[in-house]
């Protein structure tokens, strides 16, 4: 039991010793990510785009989904029209 407590205390001391440097590394990584995002946004605006590139890709994806949904609806409408004219 005493040995378990000693191991836990040792691990706790290691975590406490490493935590500040680990926190600093995470903060620096986040700062670089924010800086890169800002520069990407600024460069896309200077290229004449009103929004960043990742937004346009999402808009195209939504448009493609809407088109495929419309095509499916059109096909089913045509099928219904064909089957009703065949019954007449």
PDB file of N, CA and C in Angstrom:
ATOM      1  N   UNK A   1       0.824  -1.185   0.000  1.00  0.00           N
ATOM      2  CA  UNK A   1       0.000   0.000   0.000  1.00  0.00           C
ATOM      3  C   UNK A   1       0.872   1.255   0.000  1.00  0.00           C
ATOM      4  N   UNK A   2       1.898   1.244   0.819  1.00  0.00           N
ATOM      5  CA  UNK A   2       2.810   2.385   0.910  1.00  0.00           C
ATOM      6  C   UNK A   2       3.515   2.615  -0.427  1.00  0.00           C
ATOM      7  N   UNK A   3       3.869   1.511  -1.114  1.00  0.00           N
ATOM      8  CA  UNK A   3       4.568   1.620  -2.395  1.00  0.00           C
ATOM      9  C   UNK A   3       3.656   2.261  -3.449  1.00  0.00           C
ATOM     10  N   UNK A   4       2.372   1.908  -3.434  1.00  0.00           N
ATOM     11  CA  UNK A   4       1.417   2.508  -4.364  1.00  0.00           C
ATOM     12  C   UNK A   4       1.317   4.014  -4.168  1.00  0.00           C
ATOM     13  N   UNK A   5       1.296   4.426  -2.937  1.00  0.00           N
ATOM     14  CA  UNK A   5       1.221   5.858  -2.626  1.00  0.00           C
ATOM     15  C   UNK A   5       2.475   6.566  -3.110  1.00  0.00           C
ATOM     16  N   UNK A   6       3.638   5.947  -2.930  1.00  0.00           N
ATOM     17  CA  UNK A   6       4.892   6.540  -3.390  1.00  0.00           C
ATOM     18  C   UNK A   6       4.910   6.665  -4.914  1.00  0.00           C
ATOM     19  N   UNK A   7       4.427   5.647  -5.612  1.00  0.00           N
ATOM     20  CA  UNK A   7       4.379   5.682  -7.073  1.00  0.00           C
ATOM     21  C   UNK A   7       3.436   6.795  -7.532  1.00  0.00           C
ATOM     22  N   UNK A   8       2.280   6.888  -6.905  1.00  0.00           N
ATOM     23  CA  UNK A   8       1.323   7.938  -7.259  1.00  0.00           C
ATOM     24  C   UNK A   8       1.918   9.318  -7.022  1.00  0.00           C
ATOM     25  N   UNK A   9       2.609   9.498  -5.921  1.00  0.00           N
ATOM     26  CA  UNK A   9       3.240  10.789  -5.622  1.00  0.00           C
ATOM     27  C   UNK A   9       4.320  11.125  -6.645  1.00  0.00           C
ATOM     28  N   UNK A  10       5.100  10.120  -7.032  1.00  0.00           N
ATOM     29  CA  UNK A  10       6.148  10.328  -8.023  1.00  0.00           C
ATOM     30  C   UNK A  10       5.534  10.721  -9.363  1.00  0.00           C
ATOM     31  N   UNK A  11       4.498  10.030  -9.771  1.00  0.00           N
ATOM     32  CA  UNK A  11       3.826  10.365 -11.029  1.00  0.00           C
ATOM     33  C   UNK A  11       3.230  11.773 -10.973  1.00  0.00           C
ATOM     34  N   UNK A  12       2.661  12.110  -9.859  1.00  0.00           N
ATOM     35  CA  UNK A  12       2.092  13.438  -9.687  1.00  0.00           C
ATOM     36  C   UNK A  12       3.177  14.513  -9.785  1.00  0.00           C
ATOM     37  N   UNK A  13       4.326  14.275  -9.204  1.00  0.00           N
ATOM     38  CA  UNK A  13       5.439  15.225  -9.282  1.00  0.00           C
ATOM     39  C   UNK A  13       5.901  15.388 -10.726  1.00  0.00           C
ATOM     40  N   UNK A  14       5.939  14.293 -11.472  1.00  0.00           N
ATOM     41  CA  UNK A  14       6.358  14.360 -12.881  1.00  0.00           C
ATOM     42  C   UNK A  14       5.349  15.181 -13.681  1.00  0.00           C
ATOM     43  N   UNK A  15       4.076  14.919 -13.468  1.00  0.00           N
ATOM     44  CA  UNK A  15       3.034  15.657 -14.196  1.00  0.00           C
ATOM     45  C   UNK A  15       3.113  17.140 -13.874  1.00  0.00           C
ATOM     46  N   UNK A  16       3.286  17.463 -12.611  1.00  0.00           N
ATOM     47  CA  UNK A  16       3.380  18.867 -12.204  1.00  0.00           C
ATOM     48  C   UNK A  16       4.608  19.523 -12.825  1.00  0.00           C
ATOM     49  N   UNK A  17       5.710  18.788 -12.951  1.00  0.00           N
ATOM     50  CA  UNK A  17       6.937  19.341 -13.523  1.00  0.00           C
ATOM     51  C   UNK A  17       6.796  19.567 -15.029  1.00  0.00           C
ATOM     52  N   UNK A  18       6.078  18.686 -15.719  1.00  0.00           N
ATOM     53  CA  UNK A  18       5.983  18.749 -17.178  1.00  0.00           C
ATOM     54  C   UNK A  18       4.848  19.661 -17.641  1.00  0.00           C
ATOM     55  N   UNK A  19       3.829  19.827 -16.851  1.00  0.00           N
ATOM     56  CA  UNK A  19       2.636  20.550 -17.242  1.00  0.00           C
ATOM     57  C   UNK A  19       2.887  21.974 -17.769  1.00  0.00           C
ATOM     58  N   UNK A  20       3.689  22.790 -17.127  1.00  0.00           N
ATOM     59  CA  UNK A  20       3.903  24.150 -17.645  1.00  0.00           C
ATOM     60  C   UNK A  20       4.505  24.177 -19.058  1.00  0.00           C
ATOM     61  N   UNK A  21       5.498  23.337 -19.310  1.00  0.00           N
ATOM     62  CA  UNK A  21       6.109  23.346 -20.629  1.00  0.00           C
ATOM     63  C   UNK A  21       5.147  22.778 -21.671  1.00  0.00           C
ATOM     64  N   UNK A  22       4.349  21.801 -21.295  1.00  0.00           N
ATOM     65  CA  UNK A  22       3.352  21.246 -22.200  1.00  0.00           C
ATOM     66  C   UNK A  22       2.289  22.299 -22.526  1.00  0.00           C
ATOM     67  N   UNK A  23       1.870  23.031 -21.535  1.00  0.00           N
ATOM     68  CA  UNK A  23       0.894  24.105 -21.737  1.00  0.00           C
ATOM     69  C   UNK A  23       1.460  25.164 -22.672  1.00  0.00           C
ATOM     70  N   UNK A  24       2.708  25.541 -22.481  1.00  0.00           N
ATOM     71  CA  UNK A  24       3.343  26.529 -23.360  1.00  0.00           C
ATOM     72  C   UNK A  24       3.388  26.036 -24.801  1.00  0.00           C
ATOM     73  N   UNK A  25       3.690  24.767 -24.990  1.00  0.00           N
ATOM     74  CA  UNK A  25       3.756  24.204 -26.341  1.00  0.00           C
ATOM     75  C   UNK A  25       2.386  24.235 -27.005  1.00  0.00           C
ATOM     76  N   UNK A  26       1.352  23.913 -26.266  1.00  0.00           N
ATOM     77  CA  UNK A  26      -0.007  23.942 -26.815  1.00  0.00           C
ATOM     78  C   UNK A  26      -0.396  25.372 -27.178  1.00  0.00           C
ATOM     79  N   UNK A  27      -0.090  26.316 -26.330  1.00  0.00           N
ATOM     80  CA  UNK A  27      -0.414  27.721 -26.589  1.00  0.00           C
ATOM     81  C   UNK A  27       0.314  28.215 -27.833  1.00  0.00           C
ATOM     82  N   UNK A  28       1.591  27.894 -27.978  1.00  0.00           N
ATOM     83  CA  UNK A  28       2.351  28.315 -29.156  1.00  0.00           C
ATOM     84  C   UNK A  28       1.772  27.709 -30.432  1.00  0.00           C
ATOM     85  N   UNK A  29       1.368  26.444 -30.374  1.00  0.00           N
ATOM     86  CA  UNK A  29       0.767  25.791 -31.535  1.00  0.00           C
ATOM     87  C   UNK A  29      -0.535  26.472 -31.921  1.00  0.00           C
ATOM     88  N   UNK A  30      -1.343  26.789 -30.952  1.00  0.00           N
ATOM     89  CA  UNK A  30      -2.609  27.478 -31.227  1.00  0.00           C
ATOM     90  C   UNK A  30      -2.365  28.868 -31.804  1.00  0.00           C
ATOM     91  N   UNK A  31      -1.374  29.572 -31.286  1.00  0.00           N
ATOM     92  CA  UNK A  31      -1.053  30.898 -31.814  1.00  0.00           C
ATOM     93  C   UNK A  31      -0.623  30.821 -33.277  1.00  0.00           C
ATOM     94  N   UNK A  32       0.193  29.826 -33.618  1.00  0.00           N
ATOM     95  CA  UNK A  32       0.624  29.651 -35.012  1.00  0.00           C
ATOM     96  C   UNK A  32      -0.569  29.317 -35.912  1.00  0.00           C
ATOM     97  N   UNK A  33      -1.460  28.484 -35.421  1.00  0.00           N
ATOM     98  CA  UNK A  33      -2.647  28.115 -36.199  1.00  0.00           C
ATOM     99  C   UNK A  33      -3.516  29.342 -36.466  1.00  0.00           C
ATOM    100  N   UNK A  34      -3.713  30.160 -35.464  1.00  0.00           N
ATOM    101  CA  UNK A  34      -4.501  31.388 -35.621  1.00  0.00           C
ATOM    102  C   UNK A  34      -3.822  32.326 -36.605  1.00  0.00           C
ATOM    103  N   UNK A  35      -2.521  32.470 -36.483  1.00  0.00           N
ATOM    104  CA  UNK A  35      -1.764  33.340 -37.384  1.00  0.00           C
ATOM    105  C   UNK A  35      -1.875  32.860 -38.834  1.00  0.00           C
ATOM    106  N   UNK A  36      -1.751  31.556 -39.053  1.00  0.00           N
ATOM    107  CA  UNK A  36      -1.887  30.999 -40.406  1.00  0.00           C
ATOM    108  C   UNK A  36      -3.294  31.216 -40.955  1.00  0.00           C
ATOM    109  N   UNK A  37      -4.287  31.053 -40.113  1.00  0.00           N
ATOM    110  CA  UNK A  37      -5.673  31.264 -40.546  1.00  0.00           C
ATOM    111  C   UNK A  37      -5.895  32.717 -40.941  1.00  0.00           C
ATOM    112  N   UNK A  38      -5.352  33.619 -40.156  1.00  0.00           N
ATOM    113  CA  UNK A  38      -5.496  35.041 -40.478  1.00  0.00           C
ATOM    114  C   UNK A  38      -4.807  35.386 -41.789  1.00  0.00           C
ATOM    115  N   UNK A  39      -3.609  34.860 -42.006  1.00  0.00           N
ATOM    116  CA  UNK A  39      -2.894  35.172 -43.242  1.00  0.00           C
ATOM    117  C   UNK A  39      -3.611  34.564 -44.448  1.00  0.00           C
ATOM    118  N   UNK A  40      -4.190  33.392 -44.293  1.00  0.00           N
ATOM    119  CA  UNK A  40      -4.965  32.783 -45.377  1.00  0.00           C
ATOM    120  C   UNK A  40      -6.177  33.644 -45.695  1.00  0.00           C
ATOM    121  N   UNK A  41      -6.841  34.122 -44.672  1.00  0.00           N
ATOM    122  CA  UNK A  41      -8.016  34.962 -44.860  1.00  0.00           C
ATOM    123  C   UNK A  41      -7.638  36.274 -45.539  1.00  0.00           C
ATOM    124  N   UNK A  42      -6.548  36.880 -45.097  1.00  0.00           N
ATOM    125  CA  UNK A  42      -6.114  38.146 -45.697  1.00  0.00           C
ATOM    126  C   UNK A  42      -5.700  37.958 -47.145  1.00  0.00           C
ATOM    127  N   UNK A  43      -4.991  36.886 -47.453  1.00  0.00           N
ATOM    128  CA  UNK A  43      -4.557  36.667 -48.826  1.00  0.00           C
ATOM    129  C   UNK A  43      -5.745  36.371 -49.727  1.00  0.00           C
ATOM    130  N   UNK A  44      -6.743  35.661 -49.230  1.00  0.00           N
ATOM    131  CA  UNK A  44      -7.918  35.374 -50.062  1.00  0.00           C
ATOM    132  C   UNK A  44      -8.714  36.645 -50.307  1.00  0.00           C
ATOM    133  N   UNK A  45      -8.743  37.541 -49.350  1.00  0.00           N
ATOM    134  CA  UNK A  45      -9.436  38.815 -49.552  1.00  0.00           C
ATOM    135  C   UNK A  45      -8.667  39.703 -50.522  1.00  0.00           C
ATOM    136  N   UNK A  46      -7.357  39.665 -50.470  1.00  0.00           N
ATOM    137  CA  UNK A  46      -6.570  40.485 -51.388  1.00  0.00           C
ATOM    138  C   UNK A  46      -6.639  39.935 -52.814  1.00  0.00           C
ATOM    139  N   UNK A  47      -7.005  38.648 -52.953  1.00  0.00           N
ATOM    140  CA  UNK A  47      -7.186  38.052 -54.277  1.00  0.00           C
ATOM    141  C   UNK A  47      -8.546  38.402 -54.867  1.00  0.00           C
ATOM    142  N   UNK A  48      -9.343  39.137 -54.121  1.00  0.00           N
ATOM    143  CA  UNK A  48     -10.647  39.532 -54.618  1.00  0.00           C
ATOM    144  C   UNK A  48     -11.775  38.628 -54.174  1.00  0.00           C
ATOM    145  N   UNK A  49     -11.493  37.645 -53.355  1.00  0.00           N
ATOM    146  CA  UNK A  49     -12.552  36.775 -52.862  1.00  0.00           C
ATOM    147  C   UNK A  49     -13.214  37.433 -51.652  1.00  0.00           C
ATOM    148  N   UNK A  50     -14.501  37.308 -51.565  1.00  0.00           N
ATOM    149  CA  UNK A  50     -15.198  37.925 -50.445  1.00  0.00           C
ATOM    150  C   UNK A  50     -15.211  37.039 -49.209  1.00  0.00           C
ATOM    151  N   UNK A  51     -14.811  35.796 -49.358  1.00  0.00           N
ATOM    152  CA  UNK A  51     -14.763  34.878 -48.222  1.00  0.00           C
ATOM    153  C   UNK A  51     -13.635  33.878 -48.450  1.00  0.00           C
ATOM    154  N   UNK A  52     -13.185  33.222 -47.393  1.00  0.00           N
ATOM    155  CA  UNK A  52     -12.049  32.311 -47.507  1.00  0.00           C
ATOM    156  C   UNK A  52     -12.374  31.100 -48.382  1.00  0.00           C
ATOM    157  N   UNK A  53     -11.342  30.466 -48.944  1.00  0.00           N
ATOM    158  CA  UNK A  53     -11.531  29.347 -49.866  1.00  0.00           C
ATOM    159  C   UNK A  53     -12.339  28.183 -49.295  1.00  0.00           C
ATOM    160  N   UNK A  54     -12.167  27.889 -48.011  1.00  0.00           N
ATOM    161  CA  UNK A  54     -12.872  26.743 -47.453  1.00  0.00           C
ATOM    162  C   UNK A  54     -14.376  26.975 -47.445  1.00  0.00           C
ATOM    163  N   UNK A  55     -14.802  28.225 -47.443  1.00  0.00           N
ATOM    164  CA  UNK A  55     -16.231  28.522 -47.478  1.00  0.00           C
ATOM    165  C   UNK A  55     -16.813  28.216 -48.861  1.00  0.00           C
ATOM    166  N   UNK A  56     -16.078  28.568 -49.904  1.00  0.00           N
ATOM    167  CA  UNK A  56     -16.580  28.330 -51.257  1.00  0.00           C
ATOM    168  C   UNK A  56     -16.721  26.842 -51.521  1.00  0.00           C
ATOM    169  N   UNK A  57     -15.802  26.047 -51.009  1.00  0.00           N
ATOM    170  CA  UNK A  57     -15.902  24.607 -51.186  1.00  0.00           C
ATOM    171  C   UNK A  57     -17.154  24.068 -50.524  1.00  0.00           C
ATOM    172  N   UNK A  58     -17.460  24.566 -49.344  1.00  0.00           N
ATOM    173  CA  UNK A  58     -18.660  24.113 -48.645  1.00  0.00           C
ATOM    174  C   UNK A  58     -19.901  24.531 -49.425  1.00  0.00           C
ATOM    175  N   UNK A  59     -19.889  25.721 -50.001  1.00  0.00           N
ATOM    176  CA  UNK A  59     -21.043  26.193 -50.770  1.00  0.00           C
ATOM    177  C   UNK A  59     -21.242  25.325 -52.006  1.00  0.00           C
ATOM    178  N   UNK A  60     -20.147  24.956 -52.670  1.00  0.00           N
ATOM    179  CA  UNK A  60     -20.258  24.093 -53.851  1.00  0.00           C
ATOM    180  C   UNK A  60     -20.815  22.730 -53.469  1.00  0.00           C
ATOM    181  N   UNK A  61     -20.382  22.229 -52.321  1.00  0.00           N
ATOM    182  CA  UNK A  61     -20.851  20.922 -51.872  1.00  0.00           C
ATOM    183  C   UNK A  61     -22.352  20.962 -51.590  1.00  0.00           C
ATOM    184  N   UNK A  62     -22.811  22.040 -50.972  1.00  0.00           N
ATOM    185  CA  UNK A  62     -24.238  22.179 -50.679  1.00  0.00           C
ATOM    186  C   UNK A  62     -25.021  22.282 -51.990  1.00  0.00           C
ATOM    187  N   UNK A  63     -24.493  23.052 -52.945  1.00  0.00           N
ATOM    188  CA  UNK A  63     -25.166  23.205 -54.234  1.00  0.00           C
ATOM    189  C   UNK A  63     -25.262  21.859 -54.952  1.00  0.00           C
ATOM    190  N   UNK A  64     -24.202  21.079 -54.904  1.00  0.00           N
ATOM    191  CA  UNK A  64     -24.203  19.772 -55.557  1.00  0.00           C
ATOM    192  C   UNK A  64     -25.237  18.853 -54.907  1.00  0.00           C
ATOM    193  N   UNK A  65     -25.350  18.910 -53.617  1.00  0.00           N
ATOM    194  CA  UNK A  65     -26.327  18.092 -52.912  1.00  0.00           C
ATOM    195  C   UNK A  65     -27.739  18.506 -53.305  1.00  0.00           C
ATOM    196  N   UNK A  66     -27.991  19.808 -53.391  1.00  0.00           N
ATOM    197  CA  UNK A  66     -29.313  20.299 -53.764  1.00  0.00           C
ATOM    198  C   UNK A  66     -29.665  19.850 -55.172  1.00  0.00           C
ATOM    199  N   UNK A  67     -28.703  19.917 -56.090  1.00  0.00           N
ATOM    200  CA  UNK A  67     -28.959  19.511 -57.468  1.00  0.00           C
ATOM    201  C   UNK A  67     -29.317  18.039 -57.554  1.00  0.00           C
ATOM    202  N   UNK A  68     -28.588  17.209 -56.827  1.00  0.00           N
ATOM    203  CA  UNK A  68     -28.869  15.778 -56.892  1.00  0.00           C
ATOM    204  C   UNK A  68     -30.238  15.482 -56.298  1.00  0.00           C
ATOM    205  N   UNK A  69     -30.636  16.215 -55.257  1.00  0.00           N
ATOM    206  CA  UNK A  69     -31.965  16.025 -54.680  1.00  0.00           C
ATOM    207  C   UNK A  69     -33.041  16.403 -55.695  1.00  0.00           C
ATOM    208  N   UNK A  70     -32.815  17.482 -56.425  1.00  0.00           N
ATOM    209  CA  UNK A  70     -33.786  17.913 -57.429  1.00  0.00           C
ATOM    210  C   UNK A  70     -33.891  16.899 -58.554  1.00  0.00           C
ATOM    211  N   UNK A  71     -32.765  16.347 -58.969  1.00  0.00           N
ATOM    212  CA  UNK A  71     -32.788  15.350 -60.035  1.00  0.00           C
ATOM    213  C   UNK A  71     -33.585  14.115 -59.602  1.00  0.00           C
ATOM    214  N   UNK A  72     -33.423  13.714 -58.366  1.00  0.00           N
ATOM    215  CA  UNK A  72     -34.157  12.563 -57.857  1.00  0.00           C
ATOM    216  C   UNK A  72     -35.651  12.854 -57.869  1.00  0.00           C
ATOM    217  N   UNK A  73     -36.036  14.045 -57.429  1.00  0.00           N
ATOM    218  CA  UNK A  73     -37.447  14.432 -57.421  1.00  0.00           C
ATOM    219  C   UNK A  73     -37.986  14.482 -58.843  1.00  0.00           C
ATOM    220  N   UNK A  74     -37.202  15.035 -59.777  1.00  0.00           N
ATOM    221  CA  UNK A  74     -37.635  15.109 -61.170  1.00  0.00           C
ATOM    222  C   UNK A  74     -37.876  13.717 -61.735  1.00  0.00           C
ATOM    223  N   UNK A  75     -36.983  12.780 -61.440  1.00  0.00           N
ATOM    224  CA  UNK A  75     -37.138  11.415 -61.946  1.00  0.00           C
ATOM    225  C   UNK A  75     -38.409  10.778 -61.407  1.00  0.00           C
ATOM    226  N   UNK A  76     -38.657  10.953 -60.124  1.00  0.00           N
ATOM    227  CA  UNK A  76     -39.848  10.337 -59.551  1.00  0.00           C
ATOM    228  C   UNK A  76     -41.102  10.978 -60.116  1.00  0.00           C
ATOM    229  N   UNK A  77     -41.085  12.288 -60.380  1.00  0.00           N
ATOM    230  CA  UNK A  77     -42.233  12.947 -60.996  1.00  0.00           C
ATOM    231  C   UNK A  77     -42.469  12.415 -62.399  1.00  0.00           C
ATOM    232  N   UNK A  78     -41.393  12.218 -63.153  1.00  0.00           N
ATOM    233  CA  UNK A  78     -41.526  11.685 -64.505  1.00  0.00           C
ATOM    234  C   UNK A  78     -42.068  10.261 -64.467  1.00  0.00           C
ATOM    235  N   UNK A  79     -41.592   9.468 -63.513  1.00  0.00           N
ATOM    236  CA  UNK A  79     -42.067   8.090 -63.397  1.00  0.00           C
ATOM    237  C   UNK A  79     -43.560   8.051 -63.071  1.00  0.00           C
ATOM    238  N   UNK A  80     -43.988   8.935 -62.181  1.00  0.00           N
ATOM    239  CA  UNK A  80     -45.402   8.975 -61.830  1.00  0.00           C
ATOM    240  C   UNK A  80     -46.233   9.390 -63.044  1.00  0.00           C
ATOM    241  N   UNK A  81     -45.753  10.379 -63.805  1.00  0.00           N
ATOM    242  CA  UNK A  81     -46.476  10.846 -64.984  1.00  0.00           C
ATOM    243  C   UNK A  81     -46.551   9.739 -66.022  1.00  0.00           C
ATOM    244  N   UNK A  82     -45.471   9.000 -66.216  1.00  0.00           N
ATOM    245  CA  UNK A  82     -45.447   7.917 -67.188  1.00  0.00           C
ATOM    246  C   UNK A  82     -46.396   6.805 -66.785  1.00  0.00           C
ATOM    247  N   UNK A  83     -46.382   6.423 -65.520  1.00  0.00           N
ATOM    248  CA  UNK A  83     -47.246   5.330 -65.075  1.00  0.00           C
ATOM    249  C   UNK A  83     -48.710   5.739 -65.133  1.00  0.00           C
ATOM    250  N   UNK A  84     -49.036   6.992 -64.863  1.00  0.00           N
ATOM    251  CA  UNK A  84     -50.436   7.416 -64.934  1.00  0.00           C
ATOM    252  C   UNK A  84     -50.901   7.497 -66.387  1.00  0.00           C
ATOM    253  N   UNK A  85     -50.031   7.893 -67.327  1.00  0.00           N
ATOM    254  CA  UNK A  85     -50.423   7.940 -68.735  1.00  0.00           C
ATOM    255  C   UNK A  85     -50.553   6.531 -69.305  1.00  0.00           C
ATOM    256  N   UNK A  86     -49.763   5.602 -68.793  1.00  0.00           N
ATOM    257  CA  UNK A  86     -49.872   4.215 -69.246  1.00  0.00           C
ATOM    258  C   UNK A  86     -51.178   3.576 -68.777  1.00  0.00           C
ATOM    259  N   UNK A  87     -51.651   3.979 -67.624  1.00  0.00           N
ATOM    260  CA  UNK A  87     -52.893   3.417 -67.093  1.00  0.00           C
ATOM    261  C   UNK A  87     -54.108   3.917 -67.874  1.00  0.00           C
ATOM    262  N   UNK A  88     -54.036   5.079 -68.470  1.00  0.00           N
ATOM    263  CA  UNK A  88     -55.179   5.657 -69.187  1.00  0.00           C
ATOM    264  C   UNK A  88     -55.532   4.952 -70.450  1.00  0.00           C
TER     265      UNK A  88
END
